[in-house]
Amino acid sequence: QTVEIAQKTLATIGEICGLRSIDDSEQLHNQPMEIKVIVKPAEA
């Protein structure tokens, strides 16, 4: 399930960057996109 979530996230980012496949994470660099940020409360 963790891998599936990561793959979905990577696919979303790749699509935003206009990529059909990703061979190197540097292909994702310097591509503007909108990110939704939350604040995770302090814990332990």
All heavy atoms as atom14 arrays in JSON, in Angstrom:
{
  "sequence": "QTVEIAQKTLATIGEICGLRSIDDSEQLHNQPMEIKVIVKPAEA",
  "atom14_mask": [
    [1, 1, 1, 1, 1, 1, 1, 1, 1, 0, 0, 0, 0, 0],
    [1, 1, 1, 1, 1, 1, 1, 0, 0, 0, 0, 0, 0, 0],
    [1, 1, 1, 1, 1, 1, 1, 0, 0, 0, 0, 0, 0, 0],
    [1, 1, 1, 1, 1, 1, 1, 1, 1, 0, 0, 0, 0, 0],
    [1, 1, 1, 1, 1, 1, 1, 1, 0, 0, 0, 0, 0, 0],
    [1, 1, 1, 1, 1, 0, 0, 0, 0, 0, 0, 0, 0, 0],
    [1, 1, 1, 1, 1, 1, 1, 1, 1, 0, 0, 0, 0, 0],
    [1, 1, 1, 1, 1, 1, 1, 1, 1, 0, 0, 0, 0, 0],
    [1, 1, 1, 1, 1, 1, 1, 0, 0, 0, 0, 0, 0, 0],
    [1, 1, 1, 1, 1, 1, 1, 1, 0, 0, 0, 0, 0, 0],
    [1, 1, 1, 1, 1, 0, 0, 0, 0, 0, 0, 0, 0, 0],
    [1, 1, 1, 1, 1, 1, 1, 0, 0, 0, 0, 0, 0, 0],
    [1, 1, 1, 1, 1, 1, 1, 1, 0, 0, 0, 0, 0, 0],
    [1, 1, 1, 1, 0, 0, 0, 0, 0, 0, 0, 0, 0, 0],
    [1, 1, 1, 1, 1, 1, 1, 1, 1, 0, 0, 0, 0, 0],
    [1, 1, 1, 1, 1, 1, 1, 1, 0, 0, 0, 0, 0, 0],
    [1, 1, 1, 1, 1, 1, 0, 0, 0, 0, 0, 0, 0, 0],
    [1, 1, 1, 1, 0, 0, 0, 0, 0, 0, 0, 0, 0, 0],
    [1, 1, 1, 1, 1, 1, 1, 1, 0, 0, 0, 0, 0, 0],
    [1, 1, 1, 1, 1, 1, 1, 1, 1, 1, 1, 0, 0, 0],
    [1, 1, 1, 1, 1, 1, 0, 0, 0, 0, 0, 0, 0, 0],
    [1, 1, 1, 1, 1, 1, 1, 1, 0, 0, 0, 0, 0, 0],
    [1, 1, 1, 1, 1, 1, 1, 1, 0, 0, 0, 0, 0, 0],
    [1, 1, 1, 1, 1, 1, 1, 1, 0, 0, 0, 0, 0, 0],
    [1, 1, 1, 1, 1, 1, 0, 0, 0, 0, 0, 0, 0, 0],
    [1, 1, 1, 1, 1, 1, 1, 1, 1, 0, 0, 0, 0, 0],
    [1, 1, 1, 1, 1, 1, 1, 1, 1, 0, 0, 0, 0, 0],
    [1, 1, 1, 1, 1, 1, 1, 1, 0, 0, 0, 0, 0, 0],
    [1, 1, 1, 1, 1, 1, 1, 1, 1, 1, 0, 0, 0, 0],
    [1, 1, 1, 1, 1, 1, 1, 1, 0, 0, 0, 0, 0, 0],
    [1, 1, 1, 1, 1, 1, 1, 1, 1, 0, 0, 0, 0, 0],
    [1, 1, 1, 1, 1, 1, 1, 0, 0, 0, 0, 0, 0, 0],
    [1, 1, 1, 1, 1, 1, 1, 1, 0, 0, 0, 0, 0, 0],
    [1, 1, 1, 1, 1, 1, 1, 1, 1, 0, 0, 0, 0, 0],
    [1, 1, 1, 1, 1, 1, 1, 1, 0, 0, 0, 0, 0, 0],
    [1, 1, 1, 1, 1, 1, 1, 1, 1, 0, 0, 0, 0, 0],
    [1, 1, 1, 1, 1, 1, 1, 0, 0, 0, 0, 0, 0, 0],
    [1, 1, 1, 1, 1, 1, 1, 1, 0, 0, 0, 0, 0, 0],
    [1, 1, 1, 1, 1, 1, 1, 0, 0, 0, 0, 0, 0, 0],
    [1, 1, 1, 1, 1, 1, 1, 1, 1, 0, 0, 0, 0, 0],
    [1, 1, 1, 1, 1, 1, 1, 0, 0, 0, 0, 0, 0, 0],
    [1, 1, 1, 1, 1, 0, 0, 0, 0, 0, 0, 0, 0, 0],
    [1, 1, 1, 1, 1, 1, 1, 1, 1, 0, 0, 0, 0, 0],
    [1, 1, 1, 1, 1, 0, 0, 0, 0, 0, 0, 0, 0, 0]
  ],
  "atom14_positions": [
    [[0.84, -1.2, 0.0], [0.0, 0.0, 0.0], [0.88, 1.26, 0.0], [0.58, 2.23, -0.69], [-0.95, 0.01, 1.2], [-1.91, 1.16, 1.17], [-2.9, 1.11, 2.32], [-2.75, 0.35, 3.27], [-3.91, 1.96, 2.26], [0.0, 0.0, 0.0], [0.0, 0.0, 0.0], [0.0, 0.0, 0.0], [0.0, 0.0, 0.0], [0.0, 0.0, 0.0]],
    [[1.96, 1.21, 0.75], [2.9, 2.34, 0.79], [3.52, 2.57, -0.59], [3.64, 3.71, -1.04], [4.0, 2.07, 1.83], [3.39, 1.86, 3.1], [4.98, 3.21, 1.93], [0.0, 0.0, 0.0], [0.0, 0.0, 0.0], [0.0, 0.0, 0.0], [0.0, 0.0, 0.0], [0.0, 0.0, 0.0], [0.0, 0.0, 0.0], [0.0, 0.0, 0.0]],
    [[3.89, 1.49, -1.26], [4.47, 1.58, -2.6], [3.43, 2.12, -3.59], [3.74, 2.97, -4.42], [5.02, 0.21, -3.06], [5.46, 0.26, -4.52], [6.17, -0.22, -2.17], [0.0, 0.0, 0.0], [0.0, 0.0, 0.0], [0.0, 0.0, 0.0], [0.0, 0.0, 0.0], [0.0, 0.0, 0.0], [0.0, 0.0, 0.0], [0.0, 0.0, 0.0]],
    [[2.19, 1.66, -3.47], [1.13, 2.12, -4.36], [0.9, 3.63, -4.22], [0.77, 4.34, -5.21], [-0.18, 1.37, -4.07], [-1.31, 1.79, -4.97], [-2.62, 1.08, -4.64], [-2.64, 0.17, -3.8], [-3.64, 1.47, -5.24], [0.0, 0.0, 0.0], [0.0, 0.0, 0.0], [0.0, 0.0, 0.0], [0.0, 0.0, 0.0], [0.0, 0.0, 0.0]],
    [[0.89, 4.12, -2.99], [0.73, 5.56, -2.75], [1.89, 6.33, -3.37], [1.7, 7.34, -4.03], [0.61, 5.85, -1.23], [-0.7, 5.28, -0.69], [0.72, 7.35, -0.95], [-0.78, 5.23, 0.82], [0.0, 0.0, 0.0], [0.0, 0.0, 0.0], [0.0, 0.0, 0.0], [0.0, 0.0, 0.0], [0.0, 0.0, 0.0], [0.0, 0.0, 0.0]],
    [[3.11, 5.82, -3.19], [4.29, 6.48, -3.76], [4.22, 6.51, -5.28], [4.54, 7.51, -5.91], [5.56, 5.78, -3.28], [0.0, 0.0, 0.0], [0.0, 0.0, 0.0], [0.0, 0.0, 0.0], [0.0, 0.0, 0.0], [0.0, 0.0, 0.0], [0.0, 0.0, 0.0], [0.0, 0.0, 0.0], [0.0, 0.0, 0.0], [0.0, 0.0, 0.0]],
    [[3.8, 5.39, -5.88], [3.71, 5.32, -7.33], [2.66, 6.29, -7.87], [2.88, 6.94, -8.89], [3.4, 3.89, -7.78], [4.57, 2.96, -7.6], [4.24, 1.52, -7.95], [3.08, 1.13, -8.04], [5.27, 0.71, -8.13], [0.0, 0.0, 0.0], [0.0, 0.0, 0.0], [0.0, 0.0, 0.0], [0.0, 0.0, 0.0], [0.0, 0.0, 0.0]],
    [[1.52, 6.39, -7.19], [0.48, 7.33, -7.62], [0.98, 8.77, -7.53], [0.73, 9.58, -8.42], [-0.78, 7.15, -6.77], [-1.56, 5.9, -7.1], [-2.79, 5.78, -6.22], [-3.59, 4.53, -6.56], [-4.78, 4.39, -5.71], [0.0, 0.0, 0.0], [0.0, 0.0, 0.0], [0.0, 0.0, 0.0], [0.0, 0.0, 0.0], [0.0, 0.0, 0.0]],
    [[1.68, 9.07, -6.44], [2.22, 10.41, -6.27], [3.25, 10.72, -7.35], [3.21, 11.78, -7.98], [2.86, 10.56, -4.87], [1.87, 10.28, -3.88], [3.42, 11.95, -4.66], [0.0, 0.0, 0.0], [0.0, 0.0, 0.0], [0.0, 0.0, 0.0], [0.0, 0.0, 0.0], [0.0, 0.0, 0.0], [0.0, 0.0, 0.0], [0.0, 0.0, 0.0]],
    [[4.15, 9.78, -7.6], [5.18, 9.98, -8.62], [4.55, 10.11, -10.01], [4.98, 10.94, -10.82], [6.18, 8.83, -8.57], [7.48, 9.0, -9.33], [8.22, 10.27, -8.9], [8.37, 7.78, -9.12], [0.0, 0.0, 0.0], [0.0, 0.0, 0.0], [0.0, 0.0, 0.0], [0.0, 0.0, 0.0], [0.0, 0.0, 0.0], [0.0, 0.0, 0.0]],
    [[3.51, 9.33, -10.28], [2.82, 9.42, -11.58], [2.16, 10.79, -11.74], [2.21, 11.39, -12.82], [1.78, 8.31, -11.7], [0.0, 0.0, 0.0], [0.0, 0.0, 0.0], [0.0, 0.0, 0.0], [0.0, 0.0, 0.0], [0.0, 0.0, 0.0], [0.0, 0.0, 0.0], [0.0, 0.0, 0.0], [0.0, 0.0, 0.0], [0.0, 0.0, 0.0]],
    [[1.56, 11.3, -10.66], [0.93, 12.62, -10.71], [1.97, 13.7, -10.98], [1.77, 14.56, -11.85], [0.19, 12.91, -9.39], [-0.81, 11.91, -9.18], [-0.44, 14.29, -9.39], [0.0, 0.0, 0.0], [0.0, 0.0, 0.0], [0.0, 0.0, 0.0], [0.0, 0.0, 0.0], [0.0, 0.0, 0.0], [0.0, 0.0, 0.0], [0.0, 0.0, 0.0]],
    [[3.08, 13.66, -10.26], [4.14, 14.65, -10.46], [4.71, 14.53, -11.87], [4.92, 15.54, -12.56], [5.25, 14.49, -9.4], [4.69, 14.81, -8.01], [6.46, 15.37, -9.72], [5.62, 14.44, -6.86], [0.0, 0.0, 0.0], [0.0, 0.0, 0.0], [0.0, 0.0, 0.0], [0.0, 0.0, 0.0], [0.0, 0.0, 0.0], [0.0, 0.0, 0.0]],
    [[4.94, 13.3, -12.34], [5.46, 13.1, -13.68], [4.54, 13.66, -14.75], [4.99, 14.29, -15.71], [0.0, 0.0, 0.0], [0.0, 0.0, 0.0], [0.0, 0.0, 0.0], [0.0, 0.0, 0.0], [0.0, 0.0, 0.0], [0.0, 0.0, 0.0], [0.0, 0.0, 0.0], [0.0, 0.0, 0.0], [0.0, 0.0, 0.0], [0.0, 0.0, 0.0]],
    [[3.24, 13.43, -14.59], [2.28, 13.95, -15.55], [2.28, 15.48, -15.57], [2.25, 16.1, -16.63], [0.88, 13.43, -15.22], [-0.17, 13.86, -16.23], [-1.51, 13.24, -15.95], [-2.13, 13.61, -14.92], [-1.94, 12.39, -16.73], [0.0, 0.0, 0.0], [0.0, 0.0, 0.0], [0.0, 0.0, 0.0], [0.0, 0.0, 0.0], [0.0, 0.0, 0.0]],
    [[2.35, 16.08, -14.38], [2.42, 17.55, -14.29], [3.65, 18.07, -15.04], [3.61, 19.11, -15.69], [2.43, 18.01, -12.82], [1.07, 17.75, -12.17], [2.84, 19.48, -12.69], [1.06, 17.88, -10.67], [0.0, 0.0, 0.0], [0.0, 0.0, 0.0], [0.0, 0.0, 0.0], [0.0, 0.0, 0.0], [0.0, 0.0, 0.0], [0.0, 0.0, 0.0]],
    [[4.75, 17.31, -14.97], [5.99, 17.69, -15.64], [5.99, 17.35, -17.12], [6.98, 17.61, -17.82], [7.18, 17.02, -14.95], [7.45, 17.58, -13.25], [0.0, 0.0, 0.0], [0.0, 0.0, 0.0], [0.0, 0.0, 0.0], [0.0, 0.0, 0.0], [0.0, 0.0, 0.0], [0.0, 0.0, 0.0], [0.0, 0.0, 0.0], [0.0, 0.0, 0.0]],
    [[4.91, 16.75, -17.61], [4.8, 16.43, -19.03], [5.58, 15.18, -19.43], [5.95, 15.03, -20.59], [0.0, 0.0, 0.0], [0.0, 0.0, 0.0], [0.0, 0.0, 0.0], [0.0, 0.0, 0.0], [0.0, 0.0, 0.0], [0.0, 0.0, 0.0], [0.0, 0.0, 0.0], [0.0, 0.0, 0.0], [0.0, 0.0, 0.0], [0.0, 0.0, 0.0]],
    [[5.81, 14.28, -18.48], [6.59, 13.08, -18.76], [5.69, 11.85, -18.94], [4.69, 11.72, -18.24], [7.57, 12.82, -17.62], [8.56, 13.93, -17.31], [9.34, 13.63, -16.04], [9.51, 14.14, -18.48], [0.0, 0.0, 0.0], [0.0, 0.0, 0.0], [0.0, 0.0, 0.0], [0.0, 0.0, 0.0], [0.0, 0.0, 0.0], [0.0, 0.0, 0.0]],
    [[6.1, 10.97, -19.83], [5.4, 9.69, -20.02], [6.08, 8.58, -19.22], [5.46, 7.58, -18.86], [5.35, 9.33, -21.48], [4.48, 10.29, -22.29], [4.41, 9.89, -23.74], [3.88, 8.55, -23.88], [2.67, 8.26, -24.34], [1.88, 9.24, -24.7], [2.26, 7.02, -24.45], [0.0, 0.0, 0.0], [0.0, 0.0, 0.0], [0.0, 0.0, 0.0]],
    [[7.37, 8.75, -18.97], [8.13, 7.82, -18.13], [9.22, 8.6, -17.42], [9.6, 9.7, -17.85], [8.73, 6.68, -18.97], [9.7, 7.2, -19.85], [0.0, 0.0, 0.0], [0.0, 0.0, 0.0], [0.0, 0.0, 0.0], [0.0, 0.0, 0.0], [0.0, 0.0, 0.0], [0.0, 0.0, 0.0], [0.0, 0.0, 0.0], [0.0, 0.0, 0.0]],
    [[9.71, 8.03, -16.34], [10.74, 8.69, -15.53], [11.89, 7.71, -15.35], [11.71, 6.64, -14.79], [10.2, 9.14, -14.16], [8.99, 10.06, -14.33], [11.29, 9.82, -13.34], [8.2, 10.3, -13.05], [0.0, 0.0, 0.0], [0.0, 0.0, 0.0], [0.0, 0.0, 0.0], [0.0, 0.0, 0.0], [0.0, 0.0, 0.0], [0.0, 0.0, 0.0]],
    [[13.07, 8.09, -15.83], [14.27, 7.27, -15.68], [15.18, 7.8, -14.57], [15.94, 7.06, -13.99], [15.07, 7.23, -16.98], [14.28, 6.59, -18.12], [13.63, 5.57, -17.88], [14.31, 7.15, -19.23], [0.0, 0.0, 0.0], [0.0, 0.0, 0.0], [0.0, 0.0, 0.0], [0.0, 0.0, 0.0], [0.0, 0.0, 0.0], [0.0, 0.0, 0.0]],
    [[15.08, 9.1, -14.34], [15.95, 9.76, -13.37], [15.13, 10.86, -12.7], [14.44, 11.63, -13.39], [17.16, 10.36, -14.1], [18.23, 10.89, -13.18], [17.89, 11.57, -12.18], [19.42, 10.65, -13.46], [0.0, 0.0, 0.0], [0.0, 0.0, 0.0], [0.0, 0.0, 0.0], [0.0, 0.0, 0.0], [0.0, 0.0, 0.0], [0.0, 0.0, 0.0]],
    [[15.21, 10.94, -11.39], [14.41, 11.94, -10.67], [14.76, 13.38, -11.06], [13.94, 14.28, -10.88], [14.55, 11.76, -9.15], [15.9, 11.94, -8.75], [0.0, 0.0, 0.0], [0.0, 0.0, 0.0], [0.0, 0.0, 0.0], [0.0, 0.0, 0.0], [0.0, 0.0, 0.0], [0.0, 0.0, 0.0], [0.0, 0.0, 0.0], [0.0, 0.0, 0.0]],
    [[15.92, 13.6, -11.65], [16.28, 14.95, -12.11], [15.36, 15.44, -13.22], [15.25, 16.65, -13.44], [17.74, 15.0, -12.57], [18.69, 15.14, -11.4], [20.06, 15.61, -11.82], [20.16, 16.45, -12.74], [21.03, 15.14, -11.22], [0.0, 0.0, 0.0], [0.0, 0.0, 0.0], [0.0, 0.0, 0.0], [0.0, 0.0, 0.0], [0.0, 0.0, 0.0]],
    [[14.66, 14.53, -13.9], [13.7, 14.92, -14.91], [12.56, 15.74, -14.3], [11.87, 16.47, -15.01], [13.11, 13.69, -15.6], [14.09, 12.9, -16.44], [13.46, 11.62, -16.94], [13.56, 10.58, -16.29], [12.81, 11.69, -18.09], [0.0, 0.0, 0.0], [0.0, 0.0, 0.0], [0.0, 0.0, 0.0], [0.0, 0.0, 0.0], [0.0, 0.0, 0.0]],
    [[12.36, 15.63, -13.01], [11.28, 16.33, -12.31], [11.71, 17.71, -11.81], [10.86, 18.49, -11.37], [10.81, 15.49, -11.11], [10.42, 14.05, -11.41], [10.18, 13.29, -10.1], [9.2, 14.0, -12.31], [0.0, 0.0, 0.0], [0.0, 0.0, 0.0], [0.0, 0.0, 0.0], [0.0, 0.0, 0.0], [0.0, 0.0, 0.0], [0.0, 0.0, 0.0]],
    [[12.98, 18.0, -11.87], [13.5, 19.25, -11.31], [13.07, 20.46, -12.13], [12.91, 20.38, -13.35], [15.03, 19.21, -11.25], [15.56, 18.24, -10.25], [16.84, 18.31, -9.77], [15.02, 17.17, -9.63], [17.06, 17.34, -8.92], [15.96, 16.62, -8.82], [0.0, 0.0, 0.0], [0.0, 0.0, 0.0], [0.0, 0.0, 0.0], [0.0, 0.0, 0.0]],
    [[12.91, 21.57, -11.42], [12.66, 22.89, -12.01], [11.4, 22.97, -12.85], [11.34, 23.73, -13.82], [13.89, 23.35, -12.82], [15.14, 23.35, -11.98], [15.16, 23.86, -10.87], [16.19, 22.75, -12.49], [0.0, 0.0, 0.0], [0.0, 0.0, 0.0], [0.0, 0.0, 0.0], [0.0, 0.0, 0.0], [0.0, 0.0, 0.0], [0.0, 0.0, 0.0]],
    [[10.39, 22.21, -12.48], [9.1, 22.22, -13.16], [8.06, 22.81, -12.19], [7.67, 22.14, -11.24], [8.68, 20.8, -13.56], [9.66, 20.09, -14.46], [9.73, 20.71, -15.84], [8.73, 21.15, -16.38], [10.91, 20.73, -16.41], [0.0, 0.0, 0.0], [0.0, 0.0, 0.0], [0.0, 0.0, 0.0], [0.0, 0.0, 0.0], [0.0, 0.0, 0.0]],
    [[7.62, 24.04, -12.4], [6.65, 24.65, -11.47], [5.36, 23.85, -11.39], [4.86, 23.36, -12.4], [6.4, 26.03, -12.07], [7.6, 26.3, -12.9], [8.02, 24.96, -13.45], [0.0, 0.0, 0.0], [0.0, 0.0, 0.0], [0.0, 0.0, 0.0], [0.0, 0.0, 0.0], [0.0, 0.0, 0.0], [0.0, 0.0, 0.0], [0.0, 0.0, 0.0]],
    [[4.85, 23.71, -10.18], [3.57, 23.05, -9.94], [2.97, 23.6, -8.66], [3.66, 24.24, -7.87], [3.74, 21.53, -9.86], [4.56, 21.04, -8.69], [4.91, 19.26, -8.77], [6.14, 19.21, -10.05], [0.0, 0.0, 0.0], [0.0, 0.0, 0.0], [0.0, 0.0, 0.0], [0.0, 0.0, 0.0], [0.0, 0.0, 0.0], [0.0, 0.0, 0.0]],
    [[1.7, 23.37, -8.48], [1.03, 23.81, -7.26], [1.03, 22.64, -6.27], [0.66, 21.52, -6.63], [-0.4, 24.23, -7.56], [-1.11, 24.83, -6.36], [-2.49, 25.38, -6.7], [-2.66, 25.88, -7.83], [-3.37, 25.3, -5.83], [0.0, 0.0, 0.0], [0.0, 0.0, 0.0], [0.0, 0.0, 0.0], [0.0, 0.0, 0.0], [0.0, 0.0, 0.0]],
    [[1.47, 22.91, -5.05], [1.45, 21.89, -4.0], [0.51, 22.34, -2.9], [0.42, 23.52, -2.59], [2.87, 21.6, -3.44], [3.5, 22.85, -2.82], [3.76, 21.01, -4.52], [4.82, 22.59, -2.09], [0.0, 0.0, 0.0], [0.0, 0.0, 0.0], [0.0, 0.0, 0.0], [0.0, 0.0, 0.0], [0.0, 0.0, 0.0], [0.0, 0.0, 0.0]],
    [[-0.21, 21.38, -2.34], [-1.09, 21.65, -1.21], [-0.35, 21.21, 0.05], [-0.01, 20.03, 0.2], [-2.4, 20.88, -1.33], [-3.34, 21.14, -0.18], [-4.64, 20.4, -0.35], [-5.57, 20.73, 0.81], [-6.88, 20.1, 0.63], [0.0, 0.0, 0.0], [0.0, 0.0, 0.0], [0.0, 0.0, 0.0], [0.0, 0.0, 0.0], [0.0, 0.0, 0.0]],
    [[-0.09, 22.16, 0.93], [0.71, 21.92, 2.13], [-0.19, 21.97, 3.36], [-1.05, 22.84, 3.46], [1.84, 22.97, 2.24], [2.62, 22.82, 3.54], [2.77, 22.9, 1.04], [0.0, 0.0, 0.0], [0.0, 0.0, 0.0], [0.0, 0.0, 0.0], [0.0, 0.0, 0.0], [0.0, 0.0, 0.0], [0.0, 0.0, 0.0], [0.0, 0.0, 0.0]],
    [[0.02, 21.01, 4.27], [-0.66, 21.04, 5.57], [0.41, 21.15, 6.66], [1.6, 20.95, 6.4], [-1.54, 19.8, 5.81], [-0.68, 18.53, 5.9], [-2.61, 19.67, 4.73], [-1.4, 17.36, 6.52], [0.0, 0.0, 0.0], [0.0, 0.0, 0.0], [0.0, 0.0, 0.0], [0.0, 0.0, 0.0], [0.0, 0.0, 0.0], [0.0, 0.0, 0.0]],
    [[-0.03, 21.45, 7.88], [0.86, 21.45, 9.02], [0.49, 20.24, 9.88], [-0.63, 20.14, 10.36], [0.74, 22.75, 9.84], [1.62, 22.69, 11.08], [1.1, 23.96, 8.98], [0.0, 0.0, 0.0], [0.0, 0.0, 0.0], [0.0, 0.0, 0.0], [0.0, 0.0, 0.0], [0.0, 0.0, 0.0], [0.0, 0.0, 0.0], [0.0, 0.0, 0.0]],
    [[1.43, 19.34, 10.01], [1.24, 18.14, 10.84], [1.62, 18.52, 12.27], [2.74, 18.98, 12.51], [2.12, 17.01, 10.31], [1.86, 15.69, 10.92], [2.69, 14.61, 10.23], [2.53, 13.31, 10.95], [3.4, 12.27, 10.38], [0.0, 0.0, 0.0], [0.0, 0.0, 0.0], [0.0, 0.0, 0.0], [0.0, 0.0, 0.0], [0.0, 0.0, 0.0]],
    [[0.71, 18.34, 13.23], [0.99, 18.75, 14.61], [2.17, 18.0, 15.22], [2.5, 16.88, 14.8], [-0.3, 18.41, 15.36], [-1.33, 18.15, 14.33], [-0.62, 17.75, 13.08], [0.0, 0.0, 0.0], [0.0, 0.0, 0.0], [0.0, 0.0, 0.0], [0.0, 0.0, 0.0], [0.0, 0.0, 0.0], [0.0, 0.0, 0.0], [0.0, 0.0, 0.0]],
    [[2.78, 18.62, 16.23], [3.88, 17.98, 16.96], [3.36, 16.7, 17.61], [2.21, 16.62, 18.03], [4.42, 18.94, 18.02], [0.0, 0.0, 0.0], [0.0, 0.0, 0.0], [0.0, 0.0, 0.0], [0.0, 0.0, 0.0], [0.0, 0.0, 0.0], [0.0, 0.0, 0.0], [0.0, 0.0, 0.0], [0.0, 0.0, 0.0], [0.0, 0.0, 0.0]],
    [[4.25, 15.71, 17.66], [3.85, 14.42, 18.21], [5.09, 13.71, 18.75], [6.11, 13.63, 18.09], [3.15, 13.66, 17.09], [3.19, 12.22, 17.06], [2.47, 11.65, 15.84], [1.39, 12.13, 15.45], [3.02, 10.71, 15.28], [0.0, 0.0, 0.0], [0.0, 0.0, 0.0], [0.0, 0.0, 0.0], [0.0, 0.0, 0.0], [0.0, 0.0, 0.0]],
    [[5.01, 13.24, 19.99], [6.12, 12.57, 20.68], [7.38, 13.43, 20.62], [7.35, 14.58, 21.04], [6.35, 11.18, 20.11], [0.0, 0.0, 0.0], [0.0, 0.0, 0.0], [0.0, 0.0, 0.0], [0.0, 0.0, 0.0], [0.0, 0.0, 0.0], [0.0, 0.0, 0.0], [0.0, 0.0, 0.0], [0.0, 0.0, 0.0], [0.0, 0.0, 0.0]]
  ]
}
